[in-house]
Amino acid sequence: MLFDRNTYIERRRILSEKVGSGIIVLFGNNNAPANYPANSYTFRQDSSFLYYFGQNQESLVGIIDIDGNREWLLGDDVDIEDIIWTGFVPSIKDLAAEVGVENSAPLSELDAMIDKARKSGRTVHFLPPYRHDTMIRISQLMGISPMETRAAASLSLIKAVVDMRSIKSDAEIAEIERAMHIGYLMHTGAMKACRPGVTEKSIEGLMEGIVMSNGAMVSFRSIVSMHGEIFHGNPSLKPLEPGRLLLVDAGAETVNNYCSDNTRTMPVTGKFTSRQRDIYSIVCACHDLTIEKARPGLKWMDMHLDVCRLMTDRLKDLGLMKGNTDDAVEAGAHAMFLQHGLGHMMGMDVHDMEGLGQIYVGFDDEVRPSTQFGTNCLRCGRRLQPGFVMTDEPGIYFIPALIDQWKAENKYSEFLNYDRIEQYRDFGGIRIEDDILITQDGCRVLGKEMIPYLPDDVEAFMS
């Protein structure tokens, strides 16, 4: 349990006020077998359950009866056979008391509680499930198909949770900064290890060892690849090659389940070629523009488009793009080089609350998602607020298949210099990513140590 009991009591009180009436059911996660029941994946608790009920133990359910002003923690006490294998575990009653919940009950009582609420005509609020065992359990409780459970989730509960979890408290920021320190060790370790002949897989293993030795887990599967143009490039056993760039996108999750997410792109030989430095410097400028301009009230969609315009201007200087910058970005021609959004919210989930539905997390009635290729991958567009934690991750990528397709279609030929682009088809990709906190009057980069990212600093560190 990360915070004091009053934190969880207050969070549940505010949640009840926001939802208004009915009964809220928050499902914790169960163990997930890897290949047979006793051999499970590393347990990870549901983030929203953690946020409101604080207990990092499998097979728990939290109940908030808004109308009756009562709360329960449901779960089954362990017996002596469990204790032999896993050691002592507090009773469900004790776990409930730790987070200020007065009532506890075994899981077998859940069916009767929900059945009683439904027969009384009360609304049962639950969040969209993302694990199939939870889908099945909700389908049994609500009498619907497992495939209908996400659509049947409570919109008022989703919006209330998003409102609350979007604003990070000082204590949450402190925990994220602990994750940032582990991330710093991961990325600087990768920079030290990066050299010809070393495999992508060994660098992944090095970073995971750093995370585990600091009592945490990776916040997502590490991306370690010489093919930076592949956004989710899984590390392979291929040795690093001189003249190539290595893109490392990786993050840590603390034992208290708060995340970091950074990306660095480095020259395998420790020195950028002039062509690599040209492109890298554009990505640096876009990264820095976000830090300079991000502030409360600014629409993240506008920040993304500002970055796209700066990138277009600089690519025109290199002869890769041409024409009017505003027209090129409005048309979507810049998506030849940047096919994803500028960044996303981060917190207890590295893509914070994405499981609740990105349309509710990153957008609102004022700002709706774009349907334009590239910009349609922007995960957040709404106005920034103090307490938001965002990733700042511009990139430039040369994707041979996309070059071939658009060139064959003569697409955006008034903005794209295909002859020049062809000279970069073997380039790969560059991304630079840091995590920023929106403050009262601007933003600040999270983490007490900055992972080197300016080209001279990267070369100096790697030497």
Protein backbone atom coordinates (compact mmCIF):
# COMPACT_ATOMS: atom_id res chain seq x y z
CA MET A 1 0.00 0.00 0.00
CA LEU A 2 1.63 3.22 -1.19
CA PHE A 3 -0.43 6.00 0.43
CA ASP A 4 -2.01 6.43 3.85
CA ARG A 5 -5.55 5.16 4.43
CA ASN A 6 -7.05 8.66 4.33
CA THR A 7 -5.90 9.06 0.72
CA TYR A 8 -7.96 6.04 -0.34
CA ILE A 9 -10.94 7.07 1.80
CA GLU A 10 -10.97 10.52 0.19
CA ARG A 11 -10.59 9.11 -3.33
CA ARG A 12 -13.58 6.81 -2.85
CA ARG A 13 -15.62 9.65 -1.36
CA ILE A 14 -14.94 11.89 -4.37
CA LEU A 15 -15.66 9.01 -6.76
CA SER A 16 -19.03 8.42 -5.10
CA GLU A 17 -19.93 12.10 -5.42
CA LYS A 18 -19.00 12.16 -9.09
CA VAL A 19 -20.95 9.00 -9.99
CA GLY A 20 -23.94 10.04 -7.86
CA SER A 21 -25.94 6.87 -7.21
CA GLY A 22 -25.90 3.11 -7.59
CA ILE A 23 -23.26 0.55 -6.69
CA ILE A 24 -19.68 0.65 -7.98
CA VAL A 25 -17.81 -2.62 -8.54
CA LEU A 26 -14.06 -2.41 -9.08
CA PHE A 27 -12.40 -5.70 -10.01
CA GLY A 28 -8.84 -6.43 -9.05
CA ASN A 29 -6.84 -8.73 -11.28
CA ASN A 30 -6.30 -12.48 -10.88
CA ASN A 31 -3.10 -14.38 -11.51
CA ALA A 32 -2.67 -15.24 -15.20
CA PRO A 33 -1.15 -18.65 -16.01
CA ALA A 34 1.69 -18.63 -18.54
CA ASN A 35 1.54 -22.27 -19.60
CA TYR A 36 -0.04 -24.15 -16.67
CA PRO A 37 -1.95 -23.00 -13.58
CA ALA A 38 0.94 -22.94 -11.10
CA ASN A 39 3.32 -21.12 -13.47
CA SER A 40 1.88 -17.63 -13.82
CA TYR A 41 3.01 -14.38 -15.34
CA THR A 42 4.24 -11.70 -12.95
CA PHE A 43 1.17 -10.40 -11.16
CA ARG A 44 0.08 -6.86 -12.00
CA GLN A 45 -2.87 -5.36 -10.16
CA ASP A 46 -5.53 -3.36 -12.00
CA SER A 47 -4.56 0.32 -11.84
CA SER A 48 -7.99 1.70 -10.99
CA PHE A 49 -8.45 -0.88 -8.24
CA LEU A 50 -5.07 0.19 -6.85
CA TYR A 51 -6.02 3.84 -7.09
CA TYR A 52 -9.16 3.42 -4.95
CA PHE A 53 -8.49 0.32 -2.84
CA GLY A 54 -4.70 0.29 -2.65
CA GLN A 55 -4.12 -3.44 -2.13
CA ASN A 56 -1.70 -5.22 -4.47
CA GLN A 57 -3.04 -8.74 -4.00
CA GLU A 58 -4.75 -10.99 -6.51
CA SER A 59 -8.44 -11.90 -6.61
CA LEU A 60 -9.95 -8.93 -4.79
CA VAL A 61 -13.09 -6.94 -5.56
CA GLY A 62 -13.98 -3.51 -4.18
CA ILE A 63 -17.61 -2.48 -3.69
CA ILE A 64 -18.86 1.07 -3.10
CA ASP A 65 -22.58 1.29 -2.28
CA ILE A 66 -23.16 4.98 -2.98
CA ASP A 67 -26.79 5.10 -1.83
CA GLY A 68 -26.20 3.09 1.34
CA ASN A 69 -22.88 4.81 2.10
CA ARG A 70 -21.14 1.48 2.67
CA GLU A 71 -18.00 -0.13 1.26
CA TRP A 72 -16.69 -3.69 1.08
CA LEU A 73 -13.49 -5.45 0.16
CA LEU A 74 -14.24 -8.94 -1.10
CA GLY A 75 -11.71 -11.75 -1.23
CA ASP A 76 -10.88 -15.14 0.22
CA ASP A 77 -8.59 -15.64 3.18
CA VAL A 78 -5.67 -17.98 2.63
CA ASP A 79 -5.44 -21.32 4.42
CA ILE A 80 -2.45 -23.18 5.81
CA GLU A 81 -1.65 -24.84 2.47
CA ASP A 82 -1.40 -21.40 0.82
CA ILE A 83 0.79 -20.12 3.65
CA ILE A 84 3.21 -23.03 3.20
CA TRP A 85 3.87 -21.96 -0.40
CA THR A 86 3.56 -18.18 -0.27
CA GLY A 87 3.99 -17.16 3.35
CA PHE A 88 1.68 -15.21 5.61
CA VAL A 89 -0.93 -12.98 4.00
CA PRO A 90 -3.14 -10.63 6.06
CA SER A 91 -6.84 -11.45 6.28
CA ILE A 92 -9.28 -9.70 3.96
CA LYS A 93 -10.65 -7.89 7.02
CA ASP A 94 -7.18 -6.55 7.84
CA LEU A 95 -6.52 -5.56 4.22
CA ALA A 96 -9.83 -3.69 4.20
CA ALA A 97 -9.01 -1.87 7.43
CA GLU A 98 -5.65 -0.72 6.03
CA VAL A 99 -7.42 1.31 3.34
CA GLY A 100 -10.31 2.48 5.51
CA VAL A 101 -12.96 0.01 4.34
CA GLU A 102 -15.24 -1.11 7.19
CA ASN A 103 -16.74 -4.23 5.65
CA SER A 104 -15.21 -7.38 4.19
CA ALA A 105 -16.67 -10.58 2.80
CA PRO A 106 -15.64 -13.69 0.85
CA LEU A 107 -15.84 -13.55 -2.94
CA SER A 108 -18.77 -15.97 -2.91
CA GLU A 109 -21.02 -13.16 -1.65
CA LEU A 110 -20.49 -11.03 -4.75
CA ASP A 111 -23.26 -12.72 -6.77
CA ALA A 112 -25.87 -12.12 -4.07
CA MET A 113 -24.84 -8.49 -3.63
CA ILE A 114 -25.09 -7.70 -7.32
CA ASP A 115 -28.29 -9.70 -7.75
CA LYS A 116 -29.92 -7.77 -4.91
CA ALA A 117 -28.86 -4.43 -6.40
CA ARG A 118 -30.18 -5.31 -9.85
CA LYS A 119 -33.52 -6.59 -8.51
CA SER A 120 -33.89 -3.30 -6.64
CA GLY A 121 -33.47 -1.43 -9.93
CA ARG A 122 -30.15 0.08 -8.91
CA THR A 123 -27.42 0.84 -11.44
CA VAL A 124 -24.35 -1.38 -11.22
CA HIS A 125 -21.31 0.58 -12.36
CA PHE A 126 -18.21 -1.20 -13.63
CA LEU A 127 -15.24 -0.25 -15.82
CA PRO A 128 -14.51 -1.77 -19.25
CA PRO A 129 -12.76 -5.09 -18.63
CA TYR A 130 -9.57 -5.89 -20.56
CA ARG A 131 -8.92 -9.40 -19.22
CA HIS A 132 -11.08 -12.26 -20.36
CA ASP A 133 -11.56 -13.76 -16.88
CA THR A 134 -13.03 -10.45 -15.73
CA MET A 135 -15.23 -10.29 -18.82
CA ILE A 136 -16.59 -13.73 -17.98
CA ARG A 137 -17.19 -12.79 -14.34
CA ILE A 138 -19.07 -9.61 -15.31
CA SER A 139 -21.13 -11.53 -17.87
CA GLN A 140 -22.20 -13.96 -15.14
CA LEU A 141 -23.12 -11.16 -12.76
CA MET A 142 -24.97 -9.01 -15.30
CA GLY A 143 -26.52 -11.71 -17.50
CA ILE A 144 -24.89 -10.51 -20.72
CA SER A 145 -22.43 -11.99 -23.22
CA PRO A 146 -18.72 -11.60 -22.33
CA MET A 147 -18.31 -9.76 -25.65
CA GLU A 148 -20.89 -7.17 -24.52
CA THR A 149 -19.18 -6.30 -21.25
CA ARG A 150 -16.96 -3.48 -22.54
CA ALA A 151 -19.88 -1.74 -24.24
CA ALA A 152 -22.01 -2.17 -21.10
CA ALA A 153 -19.47 -0.42 -18.85
CA SER A 154 -20.61 2.66 -16.95
CA LEU A 155 -19.88 5.90 -18.79
CA SER A 156 -20.35 7.96 -15.64
CA LEU A 157 -17.82 5.80 -13.79
CA ILE A 158 -15.34 5.97 -16.69
CA LYS A 159 -15.53 9.76 -16.80
CA ALA A 160 -15.21 10.07 -13.03
CA VAL A 161 -12.13 7.86 -12.92
CA VAL A 162 -10.54 9.72 -15.84
CA ASP A 163 -11.18 13.08 -14.15
CA MET A 164 -9.53 11.93 -10.95
CA ARG A 165 -6.60 9.92 -12.26
CA SER A 166 -5.63 12.55 -14.86
CA ILE A 167 -4.51 15.00 -12.16
CA LYS A 168 -1.44 13.67 -10.37
CA SER A 169 -0.87 14.61 -6.73
CA ASP A 170 2.54 15.62 -5.37
CA ALA A 171 2.89 12.14 -3.87
CA GLU A 172 2.15 10.53 -7.23
CA ILE A 173 4.68 12.78 -8.97
CA ALA A 174 7.30 11.74 -6.41
CA GLU A 175 6.61 8.09 -7.26
CA ILE A 176 6.81 8.78 -11.01
CA GLU A 177 10.18 10.46 -10.41
CA ARG A 178 11.38 7.27 -8.70
CA ALA A 179 10.44 5.45 -11.90
CA MET A 180 12.31 8.14 -13.87
CA HIS A 181 15.50 7.42 -11.92
CA ILE A 182 15.27 3.73 -12.79
CA GLY A 183 14.62 4.74 -16.41
CA TYR A 184 17.74 6.90 -16.34
CA LEU A 185 19.80 3.90 -15.22
CA MET A 186 18.23 1.75 -17.95
CA HIS A 187 18.90 4.17 -20.81
CA THR A 188 22.39 5.23 -19.76
CA GLY A 189 23.20 1.54 -19.32
CA ALA A 190 22.02 0.90 -22.88
CA MET A 191 24.17 3.79 -24.17
CA LYS A 192 27.24 2.38 -22.44
CA ALA A 193 26.59 -1.08 -23.87
CA CYS A 194 25.81 0.06 -27.43
CA ARG A 195 28.62 -0.88 -29.81
CA PRO A 196 29.10 -3.05 -32.91
CA GLY A 197 28.67 -6.76 -32.28
CA VAL A 198 26.45 -6.42 -29.21
CA THR A 199 22.95 -7.78 -29.81
CA GLU A 200 19.67 -5.91 -29.42
CA LYS A 201 18.52 -8.72 -27.14
CA SER A 202 21.48 -8.34 -24.78
CA ILE A 203 20.71 -4.64 -24.34
CA GLU A 204 17.10 -5.50 -23.55
CA GLY A 205 18.33 -8.02 -20.97
CA LEU A 206 20.70 -5.47 -19.44
CA MET A 207 17.88 -2.96 -18.98
CA GLU A 208 15.48 -5.52 -17.53
CA GLY A 209 18.17 -6.56 -15.05
CA ILE A 210 18.52 -2.95 -13.94
CA VAL A 211 14.76 -2.69 -13.46
CA MET A 212 14.49 -5.92 -11.52
CA SER A 213 17.45 -5.08 -9.30
CA ASN A 214 15.66 -1.90 -8.32
CA GLY A 215 12.58 -3.80 -7.25
CA ALA A 216 10.39 -2.94 -10.23
CA MET A 217 9.24 -4.22 -13.62
CA VAL A 218 9.35 -2.75 -17.11
CA SER A 219 6.37 -0.48 -17.77
CA PHE A 220 6.00 -2.07 -21.24
CA ARG A 221 7.94 -4.46 -23.46
CA SER A 222 11.21 -2.71 -24.31
CA ILE A 223 11.71 -1.58 -27.91
CA VAL A 224 15.36 -2.05 -28.90
CA SER A 225 15.99 -1.99 -32.63
CA MET A 226 18.25 -0.80 -35.44
CA HIS A 227 15.00 -0.53 -37.40
CA GLY A 228 13.73 2.58 -35.65
CA GLU A 229 11.17 3.04 -38.41
CA ILE A 230 9.28 0.06 -36.91
CA PHE A 231 7.48 1.62 -33.95
CA HIS A 232 7.27 -1.54 -31.87
CA GLY A 233 10.47 -3.19 -33.00
CA ASN A 234 11.11 -6.19 -30.78
CA PRO A 235 14.78 -6.82 -29.94
CA SER A 236 16.43 -9.64 -31.84
CA LEU A 237 19.66 -11.60 -31.57
CA LYS A 238 21.06 -9.65 -34.51
CA PRO A 239 24.41 -7.96 -33.72
CA LEU A 240 24.53 -4.17 -33.93
CA GLU A 241 26.10 -2.92 -37.14
CA PRO A 242 28.50 0.02 -37.64
CA GLY A 243 26.86 3.02 -39.27
CA ARG A 244 23.38 2.16 -37.98
CA LEU A 245 21.25 3.90 -35.36
CA LEU A 246 19.83 2.05 -32.36
CA LEU A 247 16.43 3.19 -31.06
CA VAL A 248 15.67 2.30 -27.44
CA ASP A 249 12.16 2.99 -26.13
CA ALA A 250 11.85 1.66 -22.60
CA GLY A 251 10.48 2.48 -19.18
CA ALA A 252 10.35 1.31 -15.61
CA GLU A 253 7.49 0.67 -13.23
CA THR A 254 8.13 1.04 -9.52
CA VAL A 255 7.03 -1.52 -6.97
CA ASN A 256 4.21 0.92 -6.29
CA ASN A 257 3.11 0.76 -9.93
CA TYR A 258 3.95 4.19 -11.32
CA CYS A 259 5.70 4.40 -14.67
CA SER A 260 8.37 6.09 -16.73
CA ASP A 261 8.70 6.12 -20.52
CA ASN A 262 11.77 7.42 -22.39
CA THR A 263 13.21 6.98 -25.85
CA ARG A 264 16.75 7.62 -27.02
CA THR A 265 18.30 7.02 -30.43
CA MET A 266 22.04 6.53 -30.56
CA PRO A 267 24.72 5.84 -33.18
CA VAL A 268 26.05 2.31 -32.87
CA THR A 269 29.64 3.52 -33.36
CA GLY A 270 29.21 6.40 -30.89
CA LYS A 271 29.37 9.08 -33.59
CA PHE A 272 26.55 10.42 -35.76
CA THR A 273 27.13 10.69 -39.48
CA SER A 274 26.38 14.13 -40.93
CA ARG A 275 23.13 12.81 -42.42
CA GLN A 276 22.08 11.26 -39.11
CA ARG A 277 22.93 14.45 -37.23
CA ASP A 278 20.82 16.52 -39.63
CA ILE A 279 17.69 14.46 -38.98
CA TYR A 280 18.46 14.00 -35.29
CA SER A 281 18.76 17.77 -34.79
CA ILE A 282 15.26 18.27 -36.22
CA VAL A 283 13.80 15.78 -33.75
CA CYS A 284 15.69 17.55 -30.92
CA ALA A 285 14.21 20.89 -31.95
CA CYS A 286 10.69 19.43 -31.96
CA HIS A 287 11.26 17.83 -28.55
CA ASP A 288 12.45 21.16 -27.13
CA LEU A 289 9.59 23.13 -28.68
CA THR A 290 7.14 21.07 -26.64
CA ILE A 291 9.00 21.77 -23.40
CA GLU A 292 9.08 25.46 -24.26
CA LYS A 293 5.37 25.79 -25.14
CA ALA A 294 3.38 23.19 -23.16
CA ARG A 295 1.24 24.90 -20.50
CA PRO A 296 -2.23 24.77 -18.95
CA GLY A 297 -5.03 25.65 -21.36
CA LEU A 298 -3.08 24.68 -24.47
CA LYS A 299 -4.77 22.02 -26.57
CA TRP A 300 -2.39 19.08 -26.99
CA MET A 301 -3.69 18.76 -30.55
CA ASP A 302 -2.35 22.28 -31.24
CA MET A 303 0.98 21.37 -29.67
CA HIS A 304 1.20 18.34 -31.95
CA LEU A 305 0.47 20.45 -35.03
CA ASP A 306 3.04 23.09 -33.97
CA VAL A 307 5.63 20.32 -33.84
CA CYS A 308 4.54 19.10 -37.28
CA ARG A 309 4.98 22.59 -38.74
CA LEU A 310 8.46 23.00 -37.24
CA MET A 311 9.41 19.57 -38.55
CA THR A 312 8.11 20.45 -42.01
CA ASP A 313 10.08 23.71 -42.07
CA ARG A 314 13.29 21.92 -41.15
CA LEU A 315 12.70 19.07 -43.62
CA LYS A 316 12.23 21.70 -46.33
CA ASP A 317 15.69 23.02 -45.44
CA LEU A 318 17.07 19.54 -46.22
CA GLY A 319 15.14 19.34 -49.50
CA LEU A 320 12.90 16.49 -48.32
CA MET A 321 9.75 18.62 -48.32
CA LYS A 322 8.66 21.69 -50.26
CA GLY A 323 5.76 24.11 -50.70
CA ASN A 324 3.77 26.00 -48.09
CA THR A 325 4.25 24.59 -44.59
CA ASP A 326 0.72 25.25 -43.32
CA ASP A 327 -0.81 23.71 -46.42
CA ALA A 328 1.46 20.66 -46.17
CA VAL A 329 0.51 19.97 -42.55
CA GLU A 330 -3.18 20.61 -43.17
CA ALA A 331 -3.08 18.10 -46.04
CA GLY A 332 -1.17 15.54 -43.93
CA ALA A 333 1.96 15.36 -46.06
CA HIS A 334 4.18 15.51 -42.95
CA ALA A 335 2.91 12.03 -42.05
CA MET A 336 5.42 10.64 -44.54
CA PHE A 337 7.89 11.25 -41.70
CA LEU A 338 5.80 11.35 -38.48
CA GLN A 339 3.06 8.74 -38.38
CA HIS A 340 2.17 8.88 -34.69
CA GLY A 341 1.05 11.46 -32.15
CA LEU A 342 3.28 13.73 -30.10
CA GLY A 343 2.60 11.97 -26.84
CA HIS A 344 0.15 10.45 -24.35
CA MET A 345 -0.78 10.66 -20.69
CA MET A 346 1.31 8.62 -18.26
CA GLY A 347 0.88 7.54 -14.65
CA MET A 348 0.00 4.15 -13.21
CA ASP A 349 -0.30 2.92 -16.80
CA VAL A 350 2.36 3.91 -19.28
CA HIS A 351 -0.50 4.78 -21.65
CA ASP A 352 -2.51 6.08 -18.75
CA MET A 353 -6.08 4.76 -18.54
CA GLU A 354 -6.03 3.62 -22.17
CA GLY A 355 -8.09 0.60 -21.16
CA LEU A 356 -10.98 2.91 -20.21
CA GLY A 357 -11.27 4.12 -23.81
CA GLN A 358 -8.97 6.65 -25.40
CA ILE A 359 -11.92 8.76 -26.54
CA TYR A 360 -12.66 9.52 -22.87
CA VAL A 361 -9.06 9.87 -21.70
CA GLY A 362 -7.56 12.05 -24.41
CA PHE A 363 -10.54 13.85 -25.94
CA ASP A 364 -13.70 15.69 -24.95
CA ASP A 365 -16.62 17.58 -26.47
CA GLU A 366 -14.27 20.39 -27.59
CA VAL A 367 -11.48 18.31 -29.13
CA ARG A 368 -12.29 15.18 -31.11
CA PRO A 369 -9.86 12.69 -32.64
CA SER A 370 -8.57 13.34 -36.16
CA THR A 371 -9.28 10.89 -38.97
CA GLN A 372 -6.19 12.00 -40.94
CA PHE A 373 -3.42 9.41 -41.39
CA GLY A 374 -0.76 9.97 -38.74
CA THR A 375 -2.69 12.49 -36.68
CA ASN A 376 -5.33 9.82 -36.08
CA CYS A 377 -2.74 8.11 -33.85
CA LEU A 378 -2.61 11.09 -31.46
CA ARG A 379 -3.78 9.62 -28.15
CA CYS A 380 -4.60 12.94 -26.51
CA GLY A 381 -5.82 16.22 -27.97
CA ARG A 382 -7.64 18.02 -25.17
CA ARG A 383 -6.56 21.07 -23.20
CA LEU A 384 -3.75 20.51 -20.72
CA GLN A 385 -4.32 20.99 -17.00
CA PRO A 386 -1.90 21.37 -14.09
CA GLY A 387 -1.08 17.90 -12.83
CA PHE A 388 -1.20 16.18 -16.23
CA VAL A 389 1.84 14.03 -17.00
CA MET A 390 2.49 13.78 -20.75
CA THR A 391 5.12 12.13 -22.90
CA ASP A 392 6.96 14.38 -25.36
CA GLU A 393 8.04 12.04 -28.15
CA PRO A 394 8.47 13.46 -31.64
CA GLY A 395 10.16 11.31 -34.27
CA ILE A 396 11.16 11.12 -37.91
CA TYR A 397 10.92 7.80 -39.73
CA PHE A 398 11.68 6.59 -43.23
CA ILE A 399 9.41 3.61 -43.90
CA PRO A 400 10.26 2.00 -47.28
CA ALA A 401 6.77 0.53 -47.79
CA LEU A 402 5.14 3.92 -47.15
CA ILE A 403 7.59 5.67 -49.47
CA ASP A 404 6.83 3.15 -52.21
CA GLN A 405 3.06 3.41 -51.78
CA TRP A 406 2.83 7.18 -51.72
CA LYS A 407 5.34 7.56 -54.54
CA ALA A 408 3.36 5.13 -56.72
CA GLU A 409 0.21 7.15 -55.99
CA ASN A 410 2.06 10.44 -56.57
CA LYS A 411 0.57 11.45 -53.23
CA TYR A 412 1.33 14.94 -51.91
CA SER A 413 3.83 15.44 -54.73
CA GLU A 414 3.43 19.20 -54.31
CA PHE A 415 4.93 18.84 -50.79
CA LEU A 416 7.22 15.80 -50.96
CA ASN A 417 10.48 15.56 -52.88
CA TYR A 418 10.47 11.86 -53.67
CA ASP A 419 13.87 11.85 -55.39
CA ARG A 420 15.45 13.20 -52.24
CA ILE A 421 13.40 10.92 -49.95
CA GLU A 422 14.61 7.86 -51.89
CA GLN A 423 18.15 8.62 -50.71
CA TYR A 424 16.96 8.03 -47.11
CA ARG A 425 14.98 4.82 -47.54
CA ASP A 426 17.61 2.83 -45.60
CA PHE A 427 17.90 5.45 -42.85
CA GLY A 428 15.63 3.90 -40.20
CA GLY A 429 14.05 6.17 -37.63
CA ILE A 430 14.76 8.56 -34.77
CA ARG A 431 12.63 9.26 -31.71
CA ILE A 432 13.45 11.25 -28.58
CA GLU A 433 11.08 10.99 -25.62
CA ASP A 434 10.85 12.50 -22.17
CA ASP A 435 8.04 12.84 -19.65
CA ILE A 436 6.73 16.26 -18.65
CA LEU A 437 4.55 17.54 -15.82
CA ILE A 438 2.15 20.35 -16.63
CA THR A 439 2.62 22.99 -13.92
CA GLN A 440 0.62 26.11 -13.03
CA ASP A 441 2.37 28.23 -15.67
CA GLY A 442 4.20 25.85 -18.01
CA CYS A 443 5.80 22.44 -17.71
CA ARG A 444 8.91 20.73 -16.40
CA VAL A 445 10.74 17.60 -17.44
CA LEU A 446 10.36 14.87 -14.84
CA GLY A 447 13.40 13.13 -13.39
CA LYS A 448 16.28 14.55 -11.41
CA GLU A 449 18.75 13.22 -14.00
CA MET A 450 18.39 13.95 -17.71
CA ILE A 451 19.29 11.10 -20.02
CA PRO A 452 21.68 12.64 -22.60
CA TYR A 453 19.80 13.56 -25.77
CA LEU A 454 21.53 16.51 -27.47
CA PRO A 455 23.78 15.08 -30.21
CA ASP A 456 27.05 16.35 -28.71
CA ASP A 457 26.04 15.09 -25.27
CA VAL A 458 25.13 11.65 -26.64
CA GLU A 459 28.49 11.33 -28.38
CA ALA A 460 30.37 12.55 -25.32
CA PHE A 461 28.54 10.12 -23.03
CA MET A 462 29.06 7.16 -25.36
CA SER A 463 32.77 7.91 -25.68
